[in-house]
Amino acid sequence: MEKLLTVKEVSELFGVTQTTVRRWVMEDTIPSYLIGGARRFSYYEVINHVKKGAKKV
């Protein structure tokens, strides 16, 4: 099963605030999903997104 991350986990992974992660979502800088009203991020998609050098994260 795919690992899903919370906003808090993504913020800790990148060393930024949760507000910054939410801004990235609003700017469509980082891929995310809305599941039952909660924002979730695929660990693999986030890592691959960064490795590809897509927008500054």
Protein backbone atom coordinates (compact mmCIF):
# COMPACT_ATOMS: atom_id res chain seq x y z
CA MET A 1 0.00 0.00 0.00
CA GLU A 2 1.18 3.48 -0.88
CA LYS A 3 2.42 5.68 1.96
CA LEU A 4 0.35 8.85 2.36
CA LEU A 5 1.72 11.83 4.24
CA THR A 6 -0.05 14.58 6.14
CA VAL A 7 0.68 18.29 5.81
CA LYS A 8 2.67 18.06 9.04
CA GLU A 9 4.76 15.15 7.78
CA VAL A 10 5.56 16.93 4.50
CA SER A 11 6.53 20.08 6.39
CA GLU A 12 8.87 18.05 8.61
CA LEU A 13 10.32 16.23 5.59
CA PHE A 14 11.26 19.52 3.91
CA GLY A 15 11.98 21.54 7.05
CA VAL A 16 9.33 24.15 6.32
CA THR A 17 6.16 25.29 8.07
CA GLN A 18 2.76 23.73 7.50
CA THR A 19 1.67 27.08 6.08
CA THR A 20 4.36 26.78 3.40
CA VAL A 21 3.13 23.30 2.44
CA ARG A 22 -0.43 24.62 2.16
CA ARG A 23 0.82 27.48 -0.02
CA TRP A 24 2.57 24.95 -2.29
CA VAL A 25 -0.77 23.14 -2.63
CA MET A 26 -2.57 26.39 -3.51
CA GLU A 27 0.16 27.22 -6.07
CA ASP A 28 -0.04 23.66 -7.45
CA THR A 29 3.67 23.24 -6.73
CA ILE A 30 3.34 19.87 -5.05
CA PRO A 31 0.93 17.03 -5.91
CA SER A 32 -1.73 16.28 -3.29
CA TYR A 33 -5.11 14.66 -2.72
CA LEU A 34 -8.14 15.68 -0.70
CA ILE A 35 -9.38 12.57 1.11
CA GLY A 36 -12.40 12.95 3.37
CA GLY A 37 -11.66 16.65 3.80
CA ALA A 38 -8.02 16.03 4.77
CA ARG A 39 -5.08 16.91 2.54
CA ARG A 40 -2.78 13.96 1.83
CA PHE A 41 0.40 13.54 -0.19
CA SER A 42 1.79 10.44 -1.84
CA TYR A 43 5.30 9.93 -0.48
CA TYR A 44 6.52 8.60 -3.84
CA GLU A 45 4.92 11.40 -5.87
CA VAL A 46 6.39 14.07 -3.59
CA ILE A 47 9.89 12.57 -3.79
CA ASN A 48 9.69 12.05 -7.57
CA HIS A 49 8.33 15.57 -8.05
CA VAL A 50 11.35 17.00 -6.24
CA LYS A 51 13.84 14.71 -8.02
CA LYS A 52 12.53 15.84 -11.40
CA GLY A 53 13.31 19.42 -10.40
CA ALA A 54 9.72 20.53 -10.84
CA LYS A 55 9.05 23.97 -9.43
CA LYS A 56 11.06 25.02 -6.41
CA VAL A 57 10.11 22.96 -3.36
